[in-house]
Amino acid sequence: MSEPFEHRRLTVRETVVARIAHDVRQPLTSIVITGAAAKQLLEQSPPDLEAVKRMLDEIVGASFRANEVFESNRVLIEDRSSRKKN
């Protein structure tokens, strides 16, 4: 394998990994922040249960978004693998 090709391949791989990390980190950060805020609301007297319910809905939504990132990248990787075989 030629050196410029190998360098380009590594650069592409690093770019893809950075994109995946960014796409996954966003919903996971949202889950952590919203979960911590919901916990604080539950510790109040009296707790704001309606706000906590809304936050739990946000956490569920962020979980689905994280799953979509994993799924879309899995499909992309499988598609590339199948194209290499053909």
PDB file of N, CA and C in Angstrom:
ATOM      1  N   MET A   1       0.854  -1.187   0.000  1.00  0.00           N
ATOM      2  CA  MET A   1       0.000   0.000   0.000  1.00  0.00           C
ATOM      3  C   MET A   1       0.893   1.242   0.000  1.00  0.00           C
ATOM      4  N   SER A   2       0.561   2.195  -0.815  1.00  0.00           N
ATOM      5  CA  SER A   2       1.383   3.393  -0.900  1.00  0.00           C
ATOM      6  C   SER A   2       1.175   4.276   0.325  1.00  0.00           C
ATOM      7  N   GLU A   3       2.205   4.998   0.652  1.00  0.00           N
ATOM      8  CA  GLU A   3       2.158   5.852   1.839  1.00  0.00           C
ATOM      9  C   GLU A   3       1.077   6.930   1.766  1.00  0.00           C
ATOM     10  N   PRO A   4       0.925   7.667   0.643  1.00  0.00           N
ATOM     11  CA  PRO A   4      -0.150   8.679   0.574  1.00  0.00           C
ATOM     12  C   PRO A   4      -1.538   8.052   0.721  1.00  0.00           C
ATOM     13  N   PHE A   5      -1.727   6.867   0.105  1.00  0.00           N
ATOM     14  CA  PHE A   5      -3.021   6.194   0.231  1.00  0.00           C
ATOM     15  C   PHE A   5      -3.292   5.807   1.684  1.00  0.00           C
ATOM     16  N   GLU A   6      -2.285   5.257   2.343  1.00  0.00           N
ATOM     17  CA  GLU A   6      -2.438   4.854   3.752  1.00  0.00           C
ATOM     18  C   GLU A   6      -2.743   6.068   4.625  1.00  0.00           C
ATOM     19  N   HIS A   7      -2.058   7.165   4.388  1.00  0.00           N
ATOM     20  CA  HIS A   7      -2.304   8.393   5.155  1.00  0.00           C
ATOM     21  C   HIS A   7      -3.733   8.880   4.941  1.00  0.00           C
ATOM     22  N   ARG A   8      -4.193   8.868   3.687  1.00  0.00           N
ATOM     23  CA  ARG A   8      -5.549   9.314   3.362  1.00  0.00           C
ATOM     24  C   ARG A   8      -6.576   8.394   4.030  1.00  0.00           C
ATOM     25  N   ARG A   9      -6.304   7.084   4.013  1.00  0.00           N
ATOM     26  CA  ARG A   9      -7.214   6.115   4.629  1.00  0.00           C
ATOM     27  C   ARG A   9      -7.319   6.359   6.139  1.00  0.00           C
ATOM     28  N   LEU A  10      -6.192   6.620   6.779  1.00  0.00           N
ATOM     29  CA  LEU A  10      -6.201   6.898   8.217  1.00  0.00           C
ATOM     30  C   LEU A  10      -6.925   8.205   8.519  1.00  0.00           C
ATOM     31  N   THR A  11      -6.739   9.206   7.665  1.00  0.00           N
ATOM     32  CA  THR A  11      -7.424  10.484   7.855  1.00  0.00           C
ATOM     33  C   THR A  11      -8.934  10.317   7.746  1.00  0.00           C
ATOM     34  N   VAL A  12      -9.376   9.543   6.773  1.00  0.00           N
ATOM     35  CA  VAL A  12     -10.808   9.283   6.617  1.00  0.00           C
ATOM     36  C   VAL A  12     -11.336   8.544   7.830  1.00  0.00           C
ATOM     37  N   ARG A  13     -10.612   7.542   8.295  1.00  0.00           N
ATOM     38  CA  ARG A  13     -11.033   6.770   9.478  1.00  0.00           C
ATOM     39  C   ARG A  13     -11.143   7.679  10.700  1.00  0.00           C
ATOM     40  N   GLU A  14     -10.157   8.541  10.901  1.00  0.00           N
ATOM     41  CA  GLU A  14     -10.192   9.470  12.042  1.00  0.00           C
ATOM     42  C   GLU A  14     -11.386  10.409  11.945  1.00  0.00           C
ATOM     43  N   THR A  15     -11.693  10.873  10.749  1.00  0.00           N
ATOM     44  CA  THR A  15     -12.839  11.764  10.544  1.00  0.00           C
ATOM     45  C   THR A  15     -14.142  11.056  10.876  1.00  0.00           C
ATOM     46  N   VAL A  16     -14.268   9.818  10.429  1.00  0.00           N
ATOM     47  CA  VAL A  16     -15.486   9.037  10.701  1.00  0.00           C
ATOM     48  C   VAL A  16     -15.635   8.784  12.198  1.00  0.00           C
ATOM     49  N   VAL A  17     -14.557   8.415  12.841  1.00  0.00           N
ATOM     50  CA  VAL A  17     -14.600   8.154  14.289  1.00  0.00           C
ATOM     51  C   VAL A  17     -14.980   9.429  15.045  1.00  0.00           C
ATOM     52  N   ALA A  18     -14.417  10.560  14.646  1.00  0.00           N
ATOM     53  CA  ALA A  18     -14.739  11.834  15.307  1.00  0.00           C
ATOM     54  C   ALA A  18     -16.214  12.177  15.120  1.00  0.00           C
ATOM     55  N   ARG A  19     -16.747  11.943  13.926  1.00  0.00           N
ATOM     56  CA  ARG A  19     -18.163  12.226  13.659  1.00  0.00           C
ATOM     57  C   ARG A  19     -19.071  11.344  14.514  1.00  0.00           C
ATOM     58  N   ILE A  20     -18.738  10.062  14.580  1.00  0.00           N
ATOM     59  CA  ILE A  20     -19.541   9.145  15.391  1.00  0.00           C
ATOM     60  C   ILE A  20     -19.481   9.551  16.855  1.00  0.00           C
ATOM     61  N   ALA A  21     -18.296   9.859  17.339  1.00  0.00           N
ATOM     62  CA  ALA A  21     -18.144  10.264  18.748  1.00  0.00           C
ATOM     63  C   ALA A  21     -18.978  11.507  19.040  1.00  0.00           C
ATOM     64  N   HIS A  22     -18.942  12.468  18.140  1.00  0.00           N
ATOM     65  CA  HIS A  22     -19.718  13.700  18.322  1.00  0.00           C
ATOM     66  C   HIS A  22     -21.214  13.396  18.316  1.00  0.00           C
ATOM     67  N   ASP A  23     -21.647  12.589  17.343  1.00  0.00           N
ATOM     68  CA  ASP A  23     -23.072  12.276  17.215  1.00  0.00           C
ATOM     69  C   ASP A  23     -23.601  11.492  18.410  1.00  0.00           C
ATOM     70  N   VAL A  24     -22.770  10.645  19.003  1.00  0.00           N
ATOM     71  CA  VAL A  24     -23.188   9.859  20.168  1.00  0.00           C
ATOM     72  C   VAL A  24     -23.123  10.706  21.443  1.00  0.00           C
ATOM     73  N   ARG A  25     -22.105  11.530  21.530  1.00  0.00           N
ATOM     74  CA  ARG A  25     -21.898  12.327  22.744  1.00  0.00           C
ATOM     75  C   ARG A  25     -23.052  13.294  23.004  1.00  0.00           C
ATOM     76  N   GLN A  26     -23.635  13.860  21.966  1.00  0.00           N
ATOM     77  CA  GLN A  26     -24.722  14.833  22.156  1.00  0.00           C
ATOM     78  C   GLN A  26     -25.906  14.244  22.922  1.00  0.00           C
ATOM     79  N   PRO A  27     -26.521  13.134  22.461  1.00  0.00           N
ATOM     80  CA  PRO A  27     -27.651  12.612  23.225  1.00  0.00           C
ATOM     81  C   PRO A  27     -27.246  12.067  24.596  1.00  0.00           C
ATOM     82  N   LEU A  28     -26.039  11.515  24.708  1.00  0.00           N
ATOM     83  CA  LEU A  28     -25.614  10.998  26.009  1.00  0.00           C
ATOM     84  C   LEU A  28     -25.422  12.132  27.016  1.00  0.00           C
ATOM     85  N   THR A  29     -24.888  13.251  26.555  1.00  0.00           N
ATOM     86  CA  THR A  29     -24.737  14.416  27.426  1.00  0.00           C
ATOM     87  C   THR A  29     -26.104  14.928  27.861  1.00  0.00           C
ATOM     88  N   SER A  30     -27.029  14.950  26.946  1.00  0.00           N
ATOM     89  CA  SER A  30     -28.396  15.372  27.264  1.00  0.00           C
ATOM     90  C   SER A  30     -29.014  14.462  28.323  1.00  0.00           C
ATOM     91  N   ILE A  31     -28.791  13.165  28.194  1.00  0.00           N
ATOM     92  CA  ILE A  31     -29.325  12.202  29.167  1.00  0.00           C
ATOM     93  C   ILE A  31     -28.753  12.484  30.551  1.00  0.00           C
ATOM     94  N   VAL A  32     -27.454  12.680  30.631  1.00  0.00           N
ATOM     95  CA  VAL A  32     -26.794  12.919  31.922  1.00  0.00           C
ATOM     96  C   VAL A  32     -27.289  14.214  32.568  1.00  0.00           C
ATOM     97  N   ILE A  33     -27.303  15.284  31.789  1.00  0.00           N
ATOM     98  CA  ILE A  33     -27.704  16.592  32.337  1.00  0.00           C
ATOM     99  C   ILE A  33     -29.173  16.578  32.768  1.00  0.00           C
ATOM    100  N   THR A  34     -30.033  16.019  31.920  1.00  0.00           N
ATOM    101  CA  THR A  34     -31.458  15.993  32.232  1.00  0.00           C
ATOM    102  C   THR A  34     -31.733  15.072  33.414  1.00  0.00           C
ATOM    103  N   GLY A  35     -31.040  13.950  33.475  1.00  0.00           N
ATOM    104  CA  GLY A  35     -31.199  13.033  34.610  1.00  0.00           C
ATOM    105  C   GLY A  35     -30.790  13.686  35.924  1.00  0.00           C
ATOM    106  N   ALA A  36     -29.683  14.414  35.906  1.00  0.00           N
ATOM    107  CA  ALA A  36     -29.226  15.104  37.123  1.00  0.00           C
ATOM    108  C   ALA A  36     -30.231  16.176  37.545  1.00  0.00           C
ATOM    109  N   ALA A  37     -30.770  16.911  36.575  1.00  0.00           N
ATOM    110  CA  ALA A  37     -31.760  17.947  36.889  1.00  0.00           C
ATOM    111  C   ALA A  37     -33.039  17.318  37.449  1.00  0.00           C
ATOM    112  N   ALA A  38     -33.464  16.198  36.874  1.00  0.00           N
ATOM    113  CA  ALA A  38     -34.665  15.504  37.365  1.00  0.00           C
ATOM    114  C   ALA A  38     -34.457  15.028  38.801  1.00  0.00           C
ATOM    115  N   LYS A  39     -33.277  14.534  39.076  1.00  0.00           N
ATOM    116  CA  LYS A  39     -32.961  14.084  40.439  1.00  0.00           C
ATOM    117  C   LYS A  39     -33.064  15.242  41.432  1.00  0.00           C
ATOM    118  N   GLN A  40     -32.557  16.406  41.036  1.00  0.00           N
ATOM    119  CA  GLN A  40     -32.652  17.577  41.916  1.00  0.00           C
ATOM    120  C   GLN A  40     -34.105  17.957  42.176  1.00  0.00           C
ATOM    121  N   LEU A  41     -34.935  17.884  41.128  1.00  0.00           N
ATOM    122  CA  LEU A  41     -36.356  18.209  41.302  1.00  0.00           C
ATOM    123  C   LEU A  41     -37.050  17.221  42.233  1.00  0.00           C
ATOM    124  N   LEU A  42     -36.637  15.966  42.169  1.00  0.00           N
ATOM    125  CA  LEU A  42     -37.238  14.962  43.068  1.00  0.00           C
ATOM    126  C   LEU A  42     -36.831  15.180  44.522  1.00  0.00           C
ATOM    127  N   GLU A  43     -35.674  15.804  44.736  1.00  0.00           N
ATOM    128  CA  GLU A  43     -35.177  16.046  46.092  1.00  0.00           C
ATOM    129  C   GLU A  43     -35.797  17.286  46.731  1.00  0.00           C
ATOM    130  N   GLN A  44     -36.520  18.081  45.922  1.00  0.00           N
ATOM    131  CA  GLN A  44     -37.186  19.264  46.463  1.00  0.00           C
ATOM    132  C   GLN A  44     -38.404  18.826  47.280  1.00  0.00           C
ATOM    133  N   SER A  45     -38.838  19.726  48.142  1.00  0.00           N
ATOM    134  CA  SER A  45     -40.036  19.439  48.930  1.00  0.00           C
ATOM    135  C   SER A  45     -41.060  20.531  48.675  1.00  0.00           C
ATOM    136  N   PRO A  46     -42.160  20.267  48.036  1.00  0.00           N
ATOM    137  CA  PRO A  46     -42.539  18.999  47.397  1.00  0.00           C
ATOM    138  C   PRO A  46     -41.873  18.887  46.022  1.00  0.00           C
ATOM    139  N   PRO A  47     -41.670  17.653  45.556  1.00  0.00           N
ATOM    140  CA  PRO A  47     -41.045  17.482  44.241  1.00  0.00           C
ATOM    141  C   PRO A  47     -41.997  17.909  43.124  1.00  0.00           C
ATOM    142  N   ASP A  48     -41.438  18.448  42.059  1.00  0.00           N
ATOM    143  CA  ASP A  48     -42.225  18.863  40.895  1.00  0.00           C
ATOM    144  C   ASP A  48     -42.329  17.668  39.944  1.00  0.00           C
ATOM    145  N   LEU A  49     -43.323  16.825  40.202  1.00  0.00           N
ATOM    146  CA  LEU A  49     -43.445  15.580  39.454  1.00  0.00           C
ATOM    147  C   LEU A  49     -43.763  15.793  37.973  1.00  0.00           C
ATOM    148  N   GLU A  50     -44.501  16.830  37.644  1.00  0.00           N
ATOM    149  CA  GLU A  50     -44.800  17.103  36.235  1.00  0.00           C
ATOM    150  C   GLU A  50     -43.520  17.461  35.475  1.00  0.00           C
ATOM    151  N   ALA A  51     -42.673  18.259  36.088  1.00  0.00           N
ATOM    152  CA  ALA A  51     -41.403  18.614  35.447  1.00  0.00           C
ATOM    153  C   ALA A  51     -40.521  17.377  35.300  1.00  0.00           C
ATOM    154  N   VAL A  52     -40.527  16.519  36.298  1.00  0.00           N
ATOM    155  CA  VAL A  52     -39.734  15.290  36.233  1.00  0.00           C
ATOM    156  C   VAL A  52     -40.256  14.387  35.111  1.00  0.00           C
ATOM    157  N   LYS A  53     -41.561  14.293  34.959  1.00  0.00           N
ATOM    158  CA  LYS A  53     -42.128  13.492  33.866  1.00  0.00           C
ATOM    159  C   LYS A  53     -41.676  14.028  32.510  1.00  0.00           C
ATOM    160  N   ARG A  54     -41.690  15.352  32.350  1.00  0.00           N
ATOM    161  CA  ARG A  54     -41.228  15.946  31.089  1.00  0.00           C
ATOM    162  C   ARG A  54     -39.749  15.620  30.852  1.00  0.00           C
ATOM    163  N   MET A  55     -38.974  15.693  31.913  1.00  0.00           N
ATOM    164  CA  MET A  55     -37.548  15.390  31.791  1.00  0.00           C
ATOM    165  C   MET A  55     -37.318  13.926  31.438  1.00  0.00           C
ATOM    166  N   LEU A  56     -38.112  13.047  32.011  1.00  0.00           N
ATOM    167  CA  LEU A  56     -37.985  11.632  31.671  1.00  0.00           C
ATOM    168  C   LEU A  56     -38.332  11.401  30.201  1.00  0.00           C
ATOM    169  N   ASP A  57     -39.329  12.129  29.699  1.00  0.00           N
ATOM    170  CA  ASP A  57     -39.644  12.046  28.268  1.00  0.00           C
ATOM    171  C   ASP A  57     -38.456  12.502  27.429  1.00  0.00           C
ATOM    172  N   GLU A  58     -37.778  13.558  27.863  1.00  0.00           N
ATOM    173  CA  GLU A  58     -36.592  14.043  27.152  1.00  0.00           C
ATOM    174  C   GLU A  58     -35.490  12.991  27.156  1.00  0.00           C
ATOM    175  N   ILE A  59     -35.324  12.322  28.299  1.00  0.00           N
ATOM    176  CA  ILE A  59     -34.301  11.275  28.415  1.00  0.00           C
ATOM    177  C   ILE A  59     -34.612  10.122  27.462  1.00  0.00           C
ATOM    178  N   VAL A  60     -35.870   9.727  27.402  1.00  0.00           N
ATOM    179  CA  VAL A  60     -36.265   8.654  26.478  1.00  0.00           C
ATOM    180  C   VAL A  60     -35.985   9.078  25.036  1.00  0.00           C
ATOM    181  N   GLY A  61     -36.329  10.303  24.690  1.00  0.00           N
ATOM    182  CA  GLY A  61     -36.070  10.800  23.339  1.00  0.00           C
ATOM    183  C   GLY A  61     -34.588  10.809  23.010  1.00  0.00           C
ATOM    184  N   ALA A  62     -33.775  11.249  23.954  1.00  0.00           N
ATOM    185  CA  ALA A  62     -32.323  11.274  23.729  1.00  0.00           C
ATOM    186  C   ALA A  62     -31.768   9.858  23.597  1.00  0.00           C
ATOM    187  N   SER A  63     -32.338   8.927  24.336  1.00  0.00           N
ATOM    188  CA  SER A  63     -31.917   7.525  24.217  1.00  0.00           C
ATOM    189  C   SER A  63     -32.217   6.995  22.827  1.00  0.00           C
ATOM    190  N   PHE A  64     -33.394   7.320  22.302  1.00  0.00           N
ATOM    191  CA  PHE A  64     -33.737   6.904  20.943  1.00  0.00           C
ATOM    192  C   PHE A  64     -32.795   7.535  19.924  1.00  0.00           C
ATOM    193  N   ARG A  65     -32.436   8.811  20.131  1.00  0.00           N
ATOM    194  CA  ARG A  65     -31.508   9.472  19.211  1.00  0.00           C
ATOM    195  C   ARG A  65     -30.135   8.786  19.228  1.00  0.00           C
ATOM    196  N   ALA A  66     -29.663   8.430  20.414  1.00  0.00           N
ATOM    197  CA  ALA A  66     -28.372   7.733  20.515  1.00  0.00           C
ATOM    198  C   ALA A  66     -28.448   6.397  19.785  1.00  0.00           C
ATOM    199  N   ASN A  67     -29.558   5.689  19.962  1.00  0.00           N
ATOM    200  CA  ASN A  67     -29.722   4.419  19.279  1.00  0.00           C
ATOM    201  C   ASN A  67     -29.737   4.615  17.761  1.00  0.00           C
ATOM    202  N   GLU A  68     -30.380   5.670  17.289  1.00  0.00           N
ATOM    203  CA  GLU A  68     -30.409   5.957  15.851  1.00  0.00           C
ATOM    204  C   GLU A  68     -29.007   6.201  15.301  1.00  0.00           C
ATOM    205  N   VAL A  69     -28.162   6.872  16.088  1.00  0.00           N
ATOM    206  CA  VAL A  69     -26.784   7.108  15.662  1.00  0.00           C
ATOM    207  C   VAL A  69     -26.062   5.774  15.507  1.00  0.00           C
ATOM    208  N   PHE A  70     -26.186   4.901  16.509  1.00  0.00           N
ATOM    209  CA  PHE A  70     -25.540   3.595  16.424  1.00  0.00           C
ATOM    210  C   PHE A  70     -26.069   2.804  15.230  1.00  0.00           C
ATOM    211  N   GLU A  71     -27.369   2.807  15.057  1.00  0.00           N
ATOM    212  CA  GLU A  71     -27.983   2.039  13.983  1.00  0.00           C
ATOM    213  C   GLU A  71     -27.564   2.567  12.602  1.00  0.00           C
ATOM    214  N   SER A  72     -27.584   3.879  12.426  1.00  0.00           N
ATOM    215  CA  SER A  72     -27.211   4.425  11.121  1.00  0.00           C
ATOM    216  C   SER A  72     -25.752   4.139  10.802  1.00  0.00           C
ATOM    217  N   ASN A  73     -24.897   4.167  11.801  1.00  0.00           N
ATOM    218  CA  ASN A  73     -23.487   3.860  11.564  1.00  0.00           C
ATOM    219  C   ASN A  73     -23.280   2.371  11.322  1.00  0.00           C
ATOM    220  N   ARG A  74     -24.044   1.527  11.982  1.00  0.00           N
ATOM    221  CA  ARG A  74     -23.959   0.091  11.743  1.00  0.00           C
ATOM    222  C   ARG A  74     -24.351  -0.210  10.299  1.00  0.00           C
ATOM    223  N   VAL A  75     -25.431   0.391   9.848  1.00  0.00           N
ATOM    224  CA  VAL A  75     -25.883   0.188   8.472  1.00  0.00           C
ATOM    225  C   VAL A  75     -24.828   0.687   7.492  1.00  0.00           C
ATOM    226  N   LEU A  76     -24.253   1.844   7.765  1.00  0.00           N
ATOM    227  CA  LEU A  76     -23.216   2.399   6.897  1.00  0.00           C
ATOM    228  C   LEU A  76     -22.021   1.455   6.806  1.00  0.00           C
ATOM    229  N   ILE A  77     -21.584   0.949   7.933  1.00  0.00           N
ATOM    230  CA  ILE A  77     -20.426   0.048   7.958  1.00  0.00           C
ATOM    231  C   ILE A  77     -20.753  -1.261   7.245  1.00  0.00           C
ATOM    232  N   GLU A  78     -21.953  -1.816   7.492  1.00  0.00           N
ATOM    233  CA  GLU A  78     -22.334  -3.055   6.821  1.00  0.00           C
ATOM    234  C   GLU A  78     -22.431  -2.843   5.315  1.00  0.00           C
ATOM    235  N   ASP A  79     -22.952  -1.691   4.899  1.00  0.00           N
ATOM    236  CA  ASP A  79     -23.077  -1.391   3.479  1.00  0.00           C
ATOM    237  C   ASP A  79     -21.700  -1.316   2.823  1.00  0.00           C
ATOM    238  N   ARG A  80     -20.765  -0.656   3.483  1.00  0.00           N
ATOM    239  CA  ARG A  80     -19.401  -0.553   2.948  1.00  0.00           C
ATOM    240  C   ARG A  80     -18.755  -1.924   2.877  1.00  0.00           C
ATOM    241  N   SER A  81     -18.994  -2.769   3.895  1.00  0.00           N
ATOM    242  CA  SER A  81     -18.410  -4.110   3.897  1.00  0.00           C
ATOM    243  C   SER A  81     -18.962  -4.939   2.747  1.00  0.00           C
ATOM    244  N   SER A  82     -20.263  -4.848   2.508  1.00  0.00           N
ATOM    245  CA  SER A  82     -20.859  -5.635   1.432  1.00  0.00           C
ATOM    246  C   SER A  82     -20.382  -5.145   0.071  1.00  0.00           C
ATOM    247  N   ARG A  83     -20.150  -3.831  -0.081  1.00  0.00           N
ATOM    248  CA  ARG A  83     -19.652  -3.298  -1.354  1.00  0.00           C
ATOM    249  C   ARG A  83     -18.225  -3.757  -1.618  1.00  0.00           C
ATOM    250  N   LYS A  84     -17.418  -3.879  -0.545  1.00  0.00           N
ATOM    251  CA  LYS A  84     -16.031  -4.338  -0.722  1.00  0.00           C
ATOM    252  C   LYS A  84     -16.004  -5.783  -1.212  1.00  0.00           C
ATOM    253  N   LYS A  85     -16.941  -6.599  -0.744  1.00  0.00           N
ATOM    254  CA  LYS A  85     -16.987  -8.003  -1.127  1.00  0.00           C
ATOM    255  C   LYS A  85     -17.402  -8.170  -2.575  1.00  0.00           C
ATOM    256  N   ASN A  86     -18.199  -7.236  -3.087  1.00  0.00           N
ATOM    257  CA  ASN A  86     -18.710  -7.365  -4.464  1.00  0.00           C
ATOM    258  C   ASN A  86     -17.783  -6.800  -5.481  1.00  0.00           C
TER     259      ASN A  86
END
